[in-house]
């Protein structure tokens, strides 16, 4: 009978530890989501990848001179972007950067994004 109680207590301790760990993990996820939302760009408008200049591209958060030049170079080499997702082909622009920039990018129409940074 003693082994049954020890087994049950061990199970209860493990379950409690897992529950506490899951709670702290959920807290970590929430804070990561909050950080992502806080880091979300506050600029309004869109930037047309097919007509934007290097200077206009640099108005995007996280896009400096080298990435802006790489975007223009790819556009010059391959022709106009057909979809905004094609900017992922530019070296240095990954999924996280793209997710942050996606609401501000277009391949049609005028650039309406202000020069805020």
C-alpha atoms as a PDB file:
ATOM      1  CA  UNK A   1       0.000   0.000   0.000  1.00  0.00           C
ATOM      2  CA  UNK A   2       2.900   2.301   0.689  1.00  0.00           C
ATOM      3  CA  UNK A   3       4.101   2.067  -2.932  1.00  0.00           C
ATOM      4  CA  UNK A   4       0.626   3.019  -4.237  1.00  0.00           C
ATOM      5  CA  UNK A   5       0.626   6.195  -2.084  1.00  0.00           C
ATOM      6  CA  UNK A   6       4.188   7.043  -3.120  1.00  0.00           C
ATOM      7  CA  UNK A   7       3.243   6.582  -6.784  1.00  0.00           C
ATOM      8  CA  UNK A   8       0.163   8.752  -6.396  1.00  0.00           C
ATOM      9  CA  UNK A   9       2.156  11.486  -4.630  1.00  0.00           C
ATOM     10  CA  UNK A  10       4.832  11.370  -7.304  1.00  0.00           C
ATOM     11  CA  UNK A  11       2.137  11.754  -9.969  1.00  0.00           C
ATOM     12  CA  UNK A  12       0.548  14.654  -8.085  1.00  0.00           C
ATOM     13  CA  UNK A  13       3.910  16.423  -7.733  1.00  0.00           C
ATOM     14  CA  UNK A  14       4.660  15.959 -11.441  1.00  0.00           C
ATOM     15  CA  UNK A  15       1.202  17.214 -12.413  1.00  0.00           C
ATOM     16  CA  UNK A  16       1.605  20.271 -10.179  1.00  0.00           C
ATOM     17  CA  UNK A  17       5.040  21.002 -11.635  1.00  0.00           C
ATOM     18  CA  UNK A  18       3.708  20.695 -15.170  1.00  0.00           C
ATOM     19  CA  UNK A  19       0.775  22.973 -14.378  1.00  0.00           C
ATOM     20  CA  UNK A  20       3.088  25.609 -12.936  1.00  0.00           C
ATOM     21  CA  UNK A  21       5.418  25.305 -15.919  1.00  0.00           C
ATOM     22  CA  UNK A  22       2.549  25.637 -18.381  1.00  0.00           C
ATOM     23  CA  UNK A  23       1.347  28.739 -16.571  1.00  0.00           C
ATOM     24  CA  UNK A  24       4.732  30.398 -16.801  1.00  0.00           C
ATOM     25  CA  UNK A  25       5.021  29.331 -20.429  1.00  0.00           C
ATOM     26  CA  UNK A  26       1.668  30.917 -21.232  1.00  0.00           C
ATOM     27  CA  UNK A  27       2.857  34.058 -19.479  1.00  0.00           C
ATOM     28  CA  UNK A  28       5.986  34.022 -21.625  1.00  0.00           C
ATOM     29  CA  UNK A  29       3.927  33.709 -24.792  1.00  0.00           C
ATOM     30  CA  UNK A  30       1.680  36.576 -23.771  1.00  0.00           C
ATOM     31  CA  UNK A  31       4.630  38.817 -23.080  1.00  0.00           C
ATOM     32  CA  UNK A  32       6.170  37.887 -26.432  1.00  0.00           C
ATOM     33  CA  UNK A  33       2.888  38.759 -28.145  1.00  0.00           C
ATOM     34  CA  UNK A  34       2.739  42.029 -26.246  1.00  0.00           C
ATOM     35  CA  UNK A  35       6.308  42.819 -27.293  1.00  0.00           C
ATOM     36  CA  UNK A  36       5.479  42.085 -30.933  1.00  0.00           C
ATOM     37  CA  UNK A  37       2.413  44.321 -30.767  1.00  0.00           C
ATOM     38  CA  UNK A  38       4.423  47.069 -29.111  1.00  0.00           C
ATOM     39  CA  UNK A  39       7.059  46.787 -31.821  1.00  0.00           C
ATOM     40  CA  UNK A  40       4.408  46.979 -34.553  1.00  0.00           C
ATOM     41  CA  UNK A  41       4.921  49.936 -36.829  1.00  0.00           C
ATOM     42  CA  UNK A  42       2.759  52.949 -36.233  1.00  0.00           C
ATOM     43  CA  UNK A  43       3.192  54.335 -39.748  1.00  0.00           C
ATOM     44  CA  UNK A  44       0.062  54.630 -41.848  1.00  0.00           C
ATOM     45  CA  UNK A  45      -0.236  54.044 -45.553  1.00  0.00           C
ATOM     46  CA  UNK A  46       1.398  51.645 -47.976  1.00  0.00           C
ATOM     47  CA  UNK A  47       4.584  51.548 -49.975  1.00  0.00           C
ATOM     48  CA  UNK A  48       4.557  50.235 -53.540  1.00  0.00           C
ATOM     49  CA  UNK A  49       7.550  47.915 -53.932  1.00  0.00           C
ATOM     50  CA  UNK A  50       7.562  48.481 -57.694  1.00  0.00           C
ATOM     51  CA  UNK A  51       7.872  52.267 -57.618  1.00  0.00           C
ATOM     52  CA  UNK A  52       9.548  53.024 -54.278  1.00  0.00           C
ATOM     53  CA  UNK A  53      12.925  54.709 -54.195  1.00  0.00           C
ATOM     54  CA  UNK A  54      15.760  53.639 -51.907  1.00  0.00           C
ATOM     55  CA  UNK A  55      14.910  56.586 -49.653  1.00  0.00           C
ATOM     56  CA  UNK A  56      11.229  55.621 -49.453  1.00  0.00           C
ATOM     57  CA  UNK A  57      12.120  52.004 -48.668  1.00  0.00           C
ATOM     58  CA  UNK A  58      14.305  53.195 -45.794  1.00  0.00           C
ATOM     59  CA  UNK A  59      11.188  54.714 -44.206  1.00  0.00           C
ATOM     60  CA  UNK A  60      10.100  51.151 -43.419  1.00  0.00           C
ATOM     61  CA  UNK A  61      11.052  49.935 -39.938  1.00  0.00           C
ATOM     62  CA  UNK A  62      14.089  47.663 -40.056  1.00  0.00           C
ATOM     63  CA  UNK A  63      15.031  48.580 -43.626  1.00  0.00           C
ATOM     64  CA  UNK A  64      18.338  50.377 -43.870  1.00  0.00           C
ATOM     65  CA  UNK A  65      20.320  51.513 -46.906  1.00  0.00           C
ATOM     66  CA  UNK A  66      21.705  48.075 -47.826  1.00  0.00           C
ATOM     67  CA  UNK A  67      18.357  46.259 -47.683  1.00  0.00           C
ATOM     68  CA  UNK A  68      16.644  49.110 -49.546  1.00  0.00           C
ATOM     69  CA  UNK A  69      19.301  48.940 -52.266  1.00  0.00           C
ATOM     70  CA  UNK A  70      18.938  45.143 -52.411  1.00  0.00           C
ATOM     71  CA  UNK A  71      15.167  45.468 -52.952  1.00  0.00           C
ATOM     72  CA  UNK A  72      15.667  47.951 -55.791  1.00  0.00           C
ATOM     73  CA  UNK A  73      18.432  45.785 -57.298  1.00  0.00           C
ATOM     74  CA  UNK A  74      16.186  42.713 -57.274  1.00  0.00           C
ATOM     75  CA  UNK A  75      13.385  44.712 -58.880  1.00  0.00           C
ATOM     76  CA  UNK A  76      15.775  45.955 -61.576  1.00  0.00           C
ATOM     77  CA  UNK A  77      17.140  42.450 -62.164  1.00  0.00           C
ATOM     78  CA  UNK A  78      13.894  40.431 -62.122  1.00  0.00           C
ATOM     79  CA  UNK A  79      11.300  42.979 -63.124  1.00  0.00           C
ATOM     80  CA  UNK A  80       8.346  44.225 -61.084  1.00  0.00           C
ATOM     81  CA  UNK A  81       7.201  42.345 -58.019  1.00  0.00           C
ATOM     82  CA  UNK A  82       4.043  40.379 -58.786  1.00  0.00           C
ATOM     83  CA  UNK A  83       3.269  39.702 -55.110  1.00  0.00           C
ATOM     84  CA  UNK A  84       4.552  41.359 -51.947  1.00  0.00           C
ATOM     85  CA  UNK A  85       5.736  37.956 -50.687  1.00  0.00           C
ATOM     86  CA  UNK A  86       8.482  38.040 -53.325  1.00  0.00           C
ATOM     87  CA  UNK A  87      10.356  40.540 -51.141  1.00  0.00           C
ATOM     88  CA  UNK A  88      11.285  37.479 -49.058  1.00  0.00           C
ATOM     89  CA  UNK A  89      13.704  36.595 -51.861  1.00  0.00           C
ATOM     90  CA  UNK A  90      15.825  39.607 -50.926  1.00  0.00           C
ATOM     91  CA  UNK A  91      18.777  38.593 -48.796  1.00  0.00           C
ATOM     92  CA  UNK A  92      18.344  39.840 -45.238  1.00  0.00           C
ATOM     93  CA  UNK A  93      14.549  39.939 -45.276  1.00  0.00           C
ATOM     94  CA  UNK A  94      13.153  37.005 -43.371  1.00  0.00           C
ATOM     95  CA  UNK A  95       9.713  35.941 -42.274  1.00  0.00           C
ATOM     96  CA  UNK A  96       9.708  38.012 -39.089  1.00  0.00           C
ATOM     97  CA  UNK A  97      10.655  41.174 -40.959  1.00  0.00           C
ATOM     98  CA  UNK A  98       8.091  40.405 -43.642  1.00  0.00           C
ATOM     99  CA  UNK A  99       5.295  39.864 -41.090  1.00  0.00           C
ATOM    100  CA  UNK A 100       6.113  43.228 -39.553  1.00  0.00           C
ATOM    101  CA  UNK A 101       6.205  45.011 -42.934  1.00  0.00           C
ATOM    102  CA  UNK A 102       3.352  43.197 -44.724  1.00  0.00           C
ATOM    103  CA  UNK A 103       0.597  45.685 -43.804  1.00  0.00           C
ATOM    104  CA  UNK A 104       2.683  48.501 -45.283  1.00  0.00           C
ATOM    105  CA  UNK A 105       3.560  46.843 -48.602  1.00  0.00           C
ATOM    106  CA  UNK A 106       1.794  46.694 -51.949  1.00  0.00           C
ATOM    107  CA  UNK A 107       2.687  46.018 -55.577  1.00  0.00           C
ATOM    108  CA  UNK A 108      -0.086  48.153 -57.089  1.00  0.00           C
ATOM    109  CA  UNK A 109      -1.217  51.731 -56.750  1.00  0.00           C
ATOM    110  CA  UNK A 110       0.546  54.727 -55.313  1.00  0.00           C
ATOM    111  CA  UNK A 111       2.854  54.903 -52.322  1.00  0.00           C
ATOM    112  CA  UNK A 112       0.954  56.574 -49.490  1.00  0.00           C
ATOM    113  CA  UNK A 113       3.332  55.750 -46.655  1.00  0.00           C
ATOM    114  CA  UNK A 114       4.619  58.897 -44.991  1.00  0.00           C
ATOM    115  CA  UNK A 115       8.314  59.418 -44.476  1.00  0.00           C
ATOM    116  CA  UNK A 116       7.946  58.684 -40.729  1.00  0.00           C
ATOM    117  CA  UNK A 117      10.404  56.243 -39.314  1.00  0.00           C
END
